[in-house]
Amino acid sequence: MGSRNFFNFNKLKYKQKMFTEYNNLPNNSRVWIYQADRVFTAEEVAIISEKAVDFIEQWTRHGDNLKGSFTIKYNQFLVIAVDESFNNVSGCSIDASVRFVQQLENELHIDLMNKMNVSFKDGENINIVKLSEFQQFAKAQKITKETIVFNNMVQTKEEVESKWEVPANQSWHNRFLVS
């Protein structure tokens, strides 16, 4: 009997597509919201979209693929999401996503990481102001408990849908409101 060469399929690493449409992610997917200090142009939306897909396709946790997505809301908020039922993120993979966002900031000359900016609606307009200005507006009652705010501290896709865009009295913003 001659020796037969068998191909070992276990050694072959299949490269799965790790990007999935945002709407296809489970509701418990983890999210990070980055608000821009200005509205994205149509060209910037296209650049962000292309680069986000490329980033997610190669995003890993200690060599294991991560299944993720992104969405852009109001042409001003970048939401990056990962399906942790597929693989959990780690500190290194979170760091990689932060580096990706910093690269976008540098390339597009836009601020996405300033956590001291606060966003709220004035009618249909979205305003982004420094936290100190938001506090002054609240004190002057220009911002009230009914003012729609964006709670960028939400943690899951489900919370983006239910707790992200809410009246100020239903968010951490409530601490600045005048009773």
Foldseek 3Di string as FASTA:
>chain_A
DDDDDDDDPVVDDDQDQQEDEPVPADFFWWKAKWFWQDAADPVLVVVCQVLQSVCQSPQDAVPHHWRWYWDQPPSTMIMITTRCVRPNHDPVSVVSVVVSVVVSCVVVVIHGPPPQWWWWDDDPDIHIDGVVVLLVCQVVVVQAQQTWTAASPDTTNNCNVPPGTGGCCSHPNVVSHDD
